[in-house]
Amino acid sequence: MRFTQAEYIQHELRVAAGRKQPAAASSGDEREVGRGGLHEKIMRHCDAQWPKWKYIHARTDQRSTVGIGVHDFTIYLPGRVLNIECKTKEGKPTPEQLAWALQLEMLGHKVHVVRSMDEFLALTSATT
């Protein structure tokens, strides 16, 4: 039996709807957002570069104004673009995020999941 991509994504969404959402991150995990969180650290790092790395950051304080499942950051480095999804140590991408990443992958792009500033810095140093 073969599924089309659309059928596969719909199947994954139905399966995920029956799963419980993961518990909130423990205090030992690096927070994704908020003061001192991973998002803030990434933005400060991009702003500190010369020339400044430009980025598009999906808002975290209200319902998304971009497509559902879109990654947290699109970052423009010299000669390269990175798509970044931030997660806590235990956080998992949602089915919508997985579907978005799959579609980008089919277009030749990758969404990188980072869980710490060290992972982000390793990724940026490997691609610059």
C-alpha atoms as a PDB file:
ATOM      1  CA  MET A   1       0.000   0.000   0.000  1.00  0.00           C
ATOM      2  CA  ARG A   2       1.372   3.417  -0.978  1.00  0.00           C
ATOM      3  CA  PHE A   3       0.485   6.804   0.459  1.00  0.00           C
ATOM      4  CA  THR A   4       0.803  10.097  -1.309  1.00  0.00           C
ATOM      5  CA  GLN A   5       2.654  12.766   0.635  1.00  0.00           C
ATOM      6  CA  ALA A   6      -0.635  14.525   1.450  1.00  0.00           C
ATOM      7  CA  GLU A   7      -2.183  11.259   2.717  1.00  0.00           C
ATOM      8  CA  TYR A   8       0.894  10.579   4.850  1.00  0.00           C
ATOM      9  CA  ILE A   9       0.779  14.035   6.437  1.00  0.00           C
ATOM     10  CA  GLN A  10      -2.946  13.691   7.149  1.00  0.00           C
ATOM     11  CA  HIS A  11      -2.303  10.282   8.713  1.00  0.00           C
ATOM     12  CA  GLU A  12       0.446  11.700  10.947  1.00  0.00           C
ATOM     13  CA  LEU A  13      -1.805  14.558  12.043  1.00  0.00           C
ATOM     14  CA  ARG A  14      -4.601  12.114  12.967  1.00  0.00           C
ATOM     15  CA  VAL A  15      -2.197   9.888  14.922  1.00  0.00           C
ATOM     16  CA  ALA A  16      -0.670  12.872  16.727  1.00  0.00           C
ATOM     17  CA  ALA A  17      -4.104  14.188  17.682  1.00  0.00           C
ATOM     18  CA  GLY A  18      -4.567  11.101  19.845  1.00  0.00           C
ATOM     19  CA  ARG A  19      -1.228  11.520  21.637  1.00  0.00           C
ATOM     20  CA  LYS A  20      -0.804  13.435  24.873  1.00  0.00           C
ATOM     21  CA  GLN A  21       1.276  16.597  24.644  1.00  0.00           C
ATOM     22  CA  PRO A  22       4.679  16.409  26.382  1.00  0.00           C
ATOM     23  CA  ALA A  23       4.885  17.841  29.882  1.00  0.00           C
ATOM     24  CA  ALA A  24       6.350  21.296  30.373  1.00  0.00           C
ATOM     25  CA  ALA A  25      10.129  21.505  30.460  1.00  0.00           C
ATOM     26  CA  SER A  26      11.755  20.975  33.828  1.00  0.00           C
ATOM     27  CA  SER A  27      13.705  23.782  35.454  1.00  0.00           C
ATOM     28  CA  GLY A  28      16.950  22.125  34.339  1.00  0.00           C
ATOM     29  CA  ASP A  29      16.109  22.536  30.649  1.00  0.00           C
ATOM     30  CA  GLU A  30      17.109  25.623  28.732  1.00  0.00           C
ATOM     31  CA  ARG A  31      13.954  27.623  28.112  1.00  0.00           C
ATOM     32  CA  GLU A  32      13.063  28.346  24.517  1.00  0.00           C
ATOM     33  CA  VAL A  33      11.605  31.793  25.098  1.00  0.00           C
ATOM     34  CA  GLY A  34      11.456  34.556  27.670  1.00  0.00           C
ATOM     35  CA  ARG A  35      14.191  36.554  29.312  1.00  0.00           C
ATOM     36  CA  GLY A  36      17.432  34.623  28.971  1.00  0.00           C
ATOM     37  CA  GLY A  37      15.775  31.927  26.862  1.00  0.00           C
ATOM     38  CA  LEU A  38      17.259  30.330  23.763  1.00  0.00           C
ATOM     39  CA  HIS A  39      15.351  32.608  21.360  1.00  0.00           C
ATOM     40  CA  GLU A  40      16.709  35.722  23.065  1.00  0.00           C
ATOM     41  CA  LYS A  41      20.262  34.342  23.075  1.00  0.00           C
ATOM     42  CA  ILE A  42      20.078  33.549  19.351  1.00  0.00           C
ATOM     43  CA  MET A  43      18.779  37.034  18.523  1.00  0.00           C
ATOM     44  CA  ARG A  44      21.519  38.697  20.614  1.00  0.00           C
ATOM     45  CA  HIS A  45      24.170  36.558  18.900  1.00  0.00           C
ATOM     46  CA  CYS A  46      22.879  37.442  15.409  1.00  0.00           C
ATOM     47  CA  ASP A  47      22.743  41.143  16.300  1.00  0.00           C
ATOM     48  CA  ALA A  48      26.336  41.025  17.598  1.00  0.00           C
ATOM     49  CA  GLN A  49      27.813  39.827  14.277  1.00  0.00           C
ATOM     50  CA  TRP A  50      29.417  42.121  11.720  1.00  0.00           C
ATOM     51  CA  PRO A  51      27.893  42.431   9.307  1.00  0.00           C
ATOM     52  CA  LYS A  52      24.797  41.809  11.424  1.00  0.00           C
ATOM     53  CA  TRP A  53      23.062  38.521  10.624  1.00  0.00           C
ATOM     54  CA  LYS A  54      19.515  39.340   9.573  1.00  0.00           C
ATOM     55  CA  TYR A  55      16.769  37.031  10.760  1.00  0.00           C
ATOM     56  CA  ILE A  56      13.046  36.435  10.638  1.00  0.00           C
ATOM     57  CA  HIS A  57      11.693  35.346  14.004  1.00  0.00           C
ATOM     58  CA  ALA A  58       8.240  33.844  14.461  1.00  0.00           C
ATOM     59  CA  ARG A  59       6.442  35.477  17.375  1.00  0.00           C
ATOM     60  CA  THR A  60       6.047  33.400  20.498  1.00  0.00           C
ATOM     61  CA  ASP A  61       3.787  35.707  22.503  1.00  0.00           C
ATOM     62  CA  GLN A  62       0.671  35.227  20.381  1.00  0.00           C
ATOM     63  CA  ARG A  63      -0.862  32.910  17.814  1.00  0.00           C
ATOM     64  CA  SER A  64       1.365  32.549  14.773  1.00  0.00           C
ATOM     65  CA  THR A  65       0.923  35.058  11.985  1.00  0.00           C
ATOM     66  CA  VAL A  66       2.947  32.868   9.625  1.00  0.00           C
ATOM     67  CA  GLY A  67       2.012  29.370   8.474  1.00  0.00           C
ATOM     68  CA  ILE A  68       1.257  26.734  11.107  1.00  0.00           C
ATOM     69  CA  GLY A  69       4.326  24.589  11.653  1.00  0.00           C
ATOM     70  CA  VAL A  70       6.829  27.193  10.427  1.00  0.00           C
ATOM     71  CA  HIS A  71      10.197  27.046  12.203  1.00  0.00           C
ATOM     72  CA  ASP A  72      11.206  29.682  14.785  1.00  0.00           C
ATOM     73  CA  PHE A  73      14.015  31.418  12.864  1.00  0.00           C
ATOM     74  CA  THR A  74      15.167  31.979   9.315  1.00  0.00           C
ATOM     75  CA  ILE A  75      18.676  33.384   9.691  1.00  0.00           C
ATOM     76  CA  TYR A  76      20.692  34.989   6.900  1.00  0.00           C
ATOM     77  CA  LEU A  77      24.413  34.396   7.389  1.00  0.00           C
ATOM     78  CA  PRO A  78      27.021  35.475   4.841  1.00  0.00           C
ATOM     79  CA  GLY A  79      26.221  33.326   1.783  1.00  0.00           C
ATOM     80  CA  ARG A  80      23.880  30.953   3.642  1.00  0.00           C
ATOM     81  CA  VAL A  81      20.417  30.714   5.132  1.00  0.00           C
ATOM     82  CA  LEU A  82      19.598  28.613   8.209  1.00  0.00           C
ATOM     83  CA  ASN A  83      16.135  27.447   9.232  1.00  0.00           C
ATOM     84  CA  ILE A  84      16.092  26.905  13.013  1.00  0.00           C
ATOM     85  CA  GLU A  85      13.486  25.313  15.266  1.00  0.00           C
ATOM     86  CA  CYS A  86      14.231  25.751  18.996  1.00  0.00           C
ATOM     87  CA  LYS A  87      13.231  23.034  21.419  1.00  0.00           C
ATOM     88  CA  THR A  88      13.905  22.293  25.073  1.00  0.00           C
ATOM     89  CA  LYS A  89      15.874  19.187  25.968  1.00  0.00           C
ATOM     90  CA  GLU A  90      12.745  17.021  25.917  1.00  0.00           C
ATOM     91  CA  GLY A  91      10.689  19.020  23.394  1.00  0.00           C
ATOM     92  CA  LYS A  92       9.523  17.357  20.190  1.00  0.00           C
ATOM     93  CA  PRO A  93       8.394  18.964  16.923  1.00  0.00           C
ATOM     94  CA  THR A  94       4.637  19.033  16.395  1.00  0.00           C
ATOM     95  CA  PRO A  95       3.139  17.113  13.469  1.00  0.00           C
ATOM     96  CA  GLU A  96       2.643  20.450  11.688  1.00  0.00           C
ATOM     97  CA  GLN A  97       6.322  21.318  12.199  1.00  0.00           C
ATOM     98  CA  LEU A  98       7.338  17.903  10.877  1.00  0.00           C
ATOM     99  CA  ALA A  99       5.136  18.367   7.816  1.00  0.00           C
ATOM    100  CA  TRP A 100       6.592  21.847   7.172  1.00  0.00           C
ATOM    101  CA  ALA A 101      10.161  20.523   7.542  1.00  0.00           C
ATOM    102  CA  LEU A 102       9.407  17.630   5.184  1.00  0.00           C
ATOM    103  CA  GLN A 103       8.076  19.979   2.539  1.00  0.00           C
ATOM    104  CA  LEU A 104      11.144  22.240   2.861  1.00  0.00           C
ATOM    105  CA  GLU A 105      13.388  19.182   2.613  1.00  0.00           C
ATOM    106  CA  MET A 106      11.662  18.224  -0.635  1.00  0.00           C
ATOM    107  CA  LEU A 107      12.632  21.692  -1.902  1.00  0.00           C
ATOM    108  CA  GLY A 108      16.273  21.177  -0.916  1.00  0.00           C
ATOM    109  CA  HIS A 109      16.222  23.028   2.446  1.00  0.00           C
ATOM    110  CA  LYS A 110      16.703  21.736   5.987  1.00  0.00           C
ATOM    111  CA  VAL A 111      15.140  22.775   9.292  1.00  0.00           C
ATOM    112  CA  HIS A 112      17.695  22.344  12.080  1.00  0.00           C
ATOM    113  CA  VAL A 113      16.394  21.587  15.585  1.00  0.00           C
ATOM    114  CA  VAL A 114      18.562  23.158  18.284  1.00  0.00           C
ATOM    115  CA  ARG A 115      18.151  22.603  22.005  1.00  0.00           C
ATOM    116  CA  SER A 116      20.922  24.805  23.390  1.00  0.00           C
ATOM    117  CA  MET A 117      23.088  27.762  22.490  1.00  0.00           C
ATOM    118  CA  ASP A 118      26.052  25.398  22.131  1.00  0.00           C
ATOM    119  CA  GLU A 119      24.162  23.445  19.437  1.00  0.00           C
ATOM    120  CA  PHE A 120      23.279  26.694  17.675  1.00  0.00           C
ATOM    121  CA  LEU A 121      26.879  27.924  17.752  1.00  0.00           C
ATOM    122  CA  ALA A 122      28.174  24.574  16.465  1.00  0.00           C
ATOM    123  CA  LEU A 123      25.679  24.735  13.608  1.00  0.00           C
ATOM    124  CA  THR A 124      26.605  28.291  12.642  1.00  0.00           C
ATOM    125  CA  SER A 125      30.354  27.627  12.822  1.00  0.00           C
ATOM    126  CA  ALA A 126      29.926  24.532  10.629  1.00  0.00           C
ATOM    127  CA  THR A 127      28.093  26.530   7.963  1.00  0.00           C
ATOM    128  CA  THR A 128      30.084  29.771   7.809  1.00  0.00           C
END
